[in-house]
Protein backbone atom coordinates (compact mmCIF):
# COMPACT_ATOMS: atom_id res chain seq x y z
CA MET A 1 0.00 0.00 0.00
CA ASP A 2 2.76 2.35 0.87
CA ASN A 3 4.60 1.48 -2.31
CA GLU A 4 1.53 2.30 -4.33
CA GLN A 5 1.14 5.69 -2.60
CA ASP A 6 4.79 6.52 -3.22
CA PHE A 7 4.40 5.62 -6.84
CA ASN A 8 1.40 7.93 -7.21
CA ASP A 9 3.25 10.82 -5.51
CA GLU A 10 6.23 10.49 -7.82
CA GLU A 11 3.95 10.40 -10.79
CA THR A 12 2.20 13.59 -9.63
CA ILE A 13 5.50 15.38 -9.08
CA ASP A 14 6.74 14.34 -12.50
CA GLY A 15 3.58 15.72 -14.07
CA VAL A 16 3.97 19.06 -12.34
CA VAL A 17 7.61 19.30 -13.35
CA GLU A 18 6.75 18.56 -16.95
CA GLU A 19 4.04 21.26 -16.91
CA VAL A 20 6.44 23.79 -15.42
CA PHE A 21 9.08 23.01 -18.02
CA ALA A 22 6.49 23.25 -20.77
CA ASN A 23 5.30 26.74 -19.68
CA ASP A 24 8.69 28.17 -18.70
CA LYS A 25 10.16 30.31 -21.45
CA ARG A 26 13.62 29.48 -20.18
CA ARG A 27 12.91 25.81 -21.03
CA PHE A 28 15.00 23.77 -18.65
CA ASN A 29 15.28 20.09 -19.52
CA LYS A 30 14.42 17.37 -17.09
CA GLU A 31 18.03 17.15 -15.99
CA GLY A 32 17.82 20.79 -14.86
CA GLU A 33 19.97 22.14 -17.70
CA ARG A 34 18.97 25.40 -19.43
CA VAL A 35 18.28 25.13 -23.13
CA LYS A 36 18.23 27.86 -25.87
CA VAL A 37 14.85 29.47 -26.37
CA ASN A 38 13.61 30.65 -29.77
CA VAL A 39 11.05 33.39 -29.28
CA LYS A 40 8.58 33.75 -32.10
CA ASP A 41 7.96 37.16 -33.74
CA ASN A 42 4.54 37.49 -32.13
CA GLU A 43 5.88 36.77 -28.66
CA THR A 44 7.22 39.49 -26.33
CA VAL A 45 9.59 38.95 -23.51
CA GLU A 46 8.81 41.06 -20.51
CA LYS A 47 11.85 42.82 -19.22
CA VAL A 48 11.91 43.26 -15.51
CA LYS A 49 14.15 46.06 -14.20
CA SER A 50 15.74 45.86 -10.82
CA PRO A 51 15.03 48.62 -8.27
CA GLU A 52 18.65 49.82 -8.58
CA VAL A 53 18.28 50.31 -12.34
CA VAL A 54 14.99 52.16 -11.90
CA LYS A 55 16.60 54.43 -9.31
CA LEU A 56 19.61 55.17 -11.52
CA GLU A 57 17.40 55.96 -14.50
CA LYS A 58 15.32 58.37 -12.41
CA GLU A 59 18.46 60.09 -11.13
CA LEU A 60 19.75 60.35 -14.69
CA THR A 61 16.47 61.87 -15.86
CA ASP A 62 16.45 64.36 -12.97
CA GLU A 63 20.05 65.31 -13.68
CA ARG A 64 19.26 65.84 -17.36
CA THR A 65 16.30 68.04 -16.43
CA ARG A 66 18.44 70.13 -14.06
CA ARG A 67 21.12 70.52 -16.72
CA GLU A 68 18.64 71.66 -19.36
CA SER A 69 17.14 74.14 -16.89
CA ALA A 70 20.60 75.48 -16.05
CA GLU A 71 21.45 75.83 -19.74
CA ALA A 72 18.21 77.73 -20.38
CA LYS A 73 18.99 80.09 -17.49
CA LEU A 74 22.52 80.60 -18.81
CA VAL A 75 21.16 81.55 -22.22
CA GLY A 76 18.80 84.05 -20.56
CA VAL A 77 21.62 85.56 -18.48
CA GLN A 78 23.84 85.87 -21.57
CA ALA A 79 21.05 87.61 -23.50
CA LYS A 80 20.48 90.04 -20.62
CA PHE A 81 24.21 90.70 -20.38
CA ASP A 82 24.40 91.45 -24.11
CA GLU A 83 21.41 93.80 -23.82
CA ILE A 84 22.96 95.71 -20.90
CA LYS A 85 26.31 95.86 -22.70
CA THR A 86 24.70 97.30 -25.83
CA GLN A 87 22.76 99.85 -23.78
CA MET A 88 25.90 100.95 -21.90
CA GLU A 89 27.85 101.32 -25.14
CA ARG A 90 25.05 103.43 -26.62
CA GLU A 91 24.79 105.63 -23.52
CA THR A 92 28.57 106.04 -23.40
CA ALA A 93 28.63 107.14 -27.05
CA GLU A 94 25.79 109.61 -26.44
CA MET A 95 27.52 110.99 -23.35
CA ARG A 96 30.75 111.42 -25.32
CA GLN A 97 28.88 113.30 -28.04
CA ARG A 98 27.20 115.58 -25.49
CA LEU A 99 30.54 116.27 -23.82
CA MET A 100 32.21 117.10 -27.14
CA LYS A 101 29.34 119.41 -28.09
CA THR A 102 29.55 121.15 -24.70
CA LEU A 103 33.28 121.70 -25.11
CA GLU A 104 32.82 122.99 -28.65
CA ASP A 105 30.05 125.35 -27.55
CA ARG A 106 32.23 126.70 -24.72
CA ALA A 107 35.15 127.19 -27.09
CA LYS A 108 32.96 129.03 -29.59
CA GLN A 109 31.47 131.16 -26.82
CA GLY A 110 34.97 132.07 -25.65
CA GLN A 111 35.95 133.05 -29.19
CA PHE A 112 32.72 134.98 -29.54
CA ASN A 113 33.37 137.00 -26.39
CA PHE A 114 36.97 137.67 -27.38
CA LEU A 115 36.05 138.88 -30.84
CA THR A 116 33.43 141.31 -29.56
CA THR A 117 36.13 143.05 -27.51
CA LEU A 118 38.29 143.55 -30.62
CA LEU A 119 35.67 145.20 -32.76
CA PRO A 120 35.88 148.64 -31.10
CA VAL A 121 39.60 148.68 -31.92
CA LEU A 122 38.80 148.20 -35.56
CA ASP A 123 36.20 150.95 -35.32
CA ASN A 124 38.83 153.40 -34.08
CA LEU A 125 41.13 152.49 -36.93
CA ASN A 126 38.37 153.11 -39.45
CA LEU A 127 37.58 156.47 -37.83
CA ALA A 128 41.25 157.44 -38.08
CA ILE A 129 41.22 156.55 -41.75
CA SER A 130 38.15 158.73 -42.33
CA ALA A 131 39.73 161.69 -40.53
CA SER A 132 43.05 161.32 -42.38
CA GLU A 133 41.33 161.33 -45.77
CA LYS A 134 40.16 164.91 -45.08
CA ASP A 135 43.68 166.19 -44.37
CA SER A 136 46.53 165.45 -46.83
CA SER A 137 49.15 166.15 -44.15
CA PHE A 138 48.23 162.83 -42.64
CA GLU A 139 48.95 160.91 -45.85
CA HIS A 140 51.64 158.66 -44.37
CA LEU A 141 49.59 158.11 -41.24
CA LEU A 142 46.66 157.26 -43.44
CA GLU A 143 48.56 154.55 -45.30
CA GLY A 144 49.81 153.06 -42.04
CA VAL A 145 46.38 152.99 -40.48
CA LYS A 146 44.88 151.47 -43.63
CA GLY A 147 47.50 148.75 -43.60
CA THR A 148 46.80 148.04 -39.94
CA ALA A 149 43.05 147.87 -40.57
CA ARG A 150 43.52 145.48 -43.50
CA SER A 151 45.78 143.23 -41.43
CA PHE A 152 43.33 143.24 -38.57
CA GLU A 153 40.38 142.39 -40.80
CA GLN A 154 42.39 139.60 -42.42
CA ALA A 155 43.16 138.18 -38.96
CA LEU A 156 39.44 138.19 -38.18
CA MET A 157 38.68 136.41 -41.44
CA ASN A 158 41.27 133.75 -40.60
CA VAL A 159 39.34 132.79 -37.46
CA GLY A 160 35.99 132.68 -39.27
CA VAL A 161 34.72 136.25 -38.92
CA GLU A 162 32.85 137.68 -41.91
CA ALA A 163 31.82 141.26 -42.59
CA VAL A 164 28.10 141.90 -43.05
CA PRO A 165 27.33 143.27 -46.55
CA SER A 166 26.04 146.81 -46.26
CA ILE A 167 26.28 149.66 -48.82
CA GLY A 168 24.08 148.85 -51.83
CA ALA A 169 22.55 145.81 -50.19
CA GLU A 170 18.91 145.41 -49.21
CA PHE A 171 18.23 146.39 -45.62
CA ASN A 172 17.88 143.28 -43.46
CA PRO A 173 16.74 143.88 -39.86
CA GLU A 174 18.46 140.65 -38.83
CA LEU A 175 21.83 141.96 -40.03
CA HIS A 176 21.49 145.74 -40.05
CA GLU A 177 20.56 148.47 -37.60
CA ALA A 178 19.01 151.54 -39.24
CA ILE A 179 20.41 154.74 -37.72
CA ASP A 180 18.71 157.17 -40.07
CA MET A 181 16.99 157.38 -43.46
CA VAL A 182 17.59 159.50 -46.56
CA GLU A 183 15.44 160.32 -49.56
CA THR A 184 16.43 158.38 -52.66
CA LYS A 185 15.12 157.48 -56.07
CA ALA A 186 12.71 154.58 -56.36
CA ASP A 187 15.42 152.11 -57.44
CA ASP A 188 17.29 152.62 -54.14
CA ASP A 189 14.24 152.39 -51.92
CA GLY A 190 15.01 150.11 -48.98
CA ARG A 191 18.69 149.88 -49.85
CA ILE A 192 21.61 150.85 -47.62
CA THR A 193 23.18 154.15 -48.68
CA ALA A 194 25.83 154.57 -45.98
CA GLU A 195 27.59 152.53 -43.29
CA TYR A 196 28.46 154.03 -39.91
CA SER A 197 29.98 150.92 -38.36
CA ARG A 198 30.57 147.58 -39.98
CA GLY A 199 28.71 144.49 -38.85
CA TYR A 200 30.33 141.08 -38.40
CA LYS A 201 29.26 137.44 -38.23
CA PHE A 202 31.04 134.50 -36.66
CA GLY A 203 29.79 131.28 -38.17
CA ASP A 204 25.99 131.41 -38.01
CA LYS A 205 26.04 133.95 -35.15
CA LEU A 206 25.85 137.70 -35.53
CA LEU A 207 28.63 139.37 -33.55
CA ARG A 208 26.93 142.70 -34.07
CA PRO A 209 24.68 144.30 -36.72
CA ALA A 210 25.95 146.87 -39.18
CA ARG A 211 24.84 150.41 -38.27
CA VAL A 212 23.61 151.93 -41.51
CA GLN A 213 21.67 154.60 -43.33
CA VAL A 214 18.68 153.42 -45.38
CA GLY A 215 17.28 155.02 -48.54
CA LYS A 216 13.59 155.88 -48.71
CA ALA A 217 11.90 156.84 -52.00
CA LEU A 218 9.33 159.65 -51.83
CA ALA A 219 5.79 158.71 -52.86
CA GLN A 220 4.88 160.24 -56.23
CA THR A 221 1.99 162.68 -56.23
CA ALA A 222 -1.11 161.93 -58.26
CA GLY A 223 -0.89 163.03 -61.90
CA GLU A 224 2.90 162.96 -62.08
């Protein structure tokens, strides 16, 4: 009886083993040796990852995310730096231009003030010339004064000073100062007939207006 029971148990165990071997993809033979498995195209082999591999992959993903975030921030910082650099260069250039203009304006203003102090000297020379022309005894003095006046006017021209056109020119209130008026023919109406003191310009600025006499034509009476 016992022998029969043992025989049945062994038979049951053998059946279970055969079923396990039949369903196991690894396909061990009955001797416990592993055999090569050919997986068909329509079969998939489930890959099971160990916890260590899962952990490492997560850490790698997190590290990649942090790196990409850091790179994005670096690009933003570089763009901001370039923007600030460009702005500073532009502001520096504008400041340099303003400084140069200020210095040029001050230099021109200094020249302007200096030139205005010289003009009365030239006036006196011209008055001396006028007085000498009325008395022949001052002929040599006259030539000397004329030479001095010409030299002085040439020096003014060399620094950019120009005389304001006067005698024969149309009266211009922006360049001339009318001292008196004189009756003239119609063709000379509004024209300058005499100059009392010469006017001068420095660049686009008027150092002083020319003091002049202006012609005025009389209105014709009816019937003439």
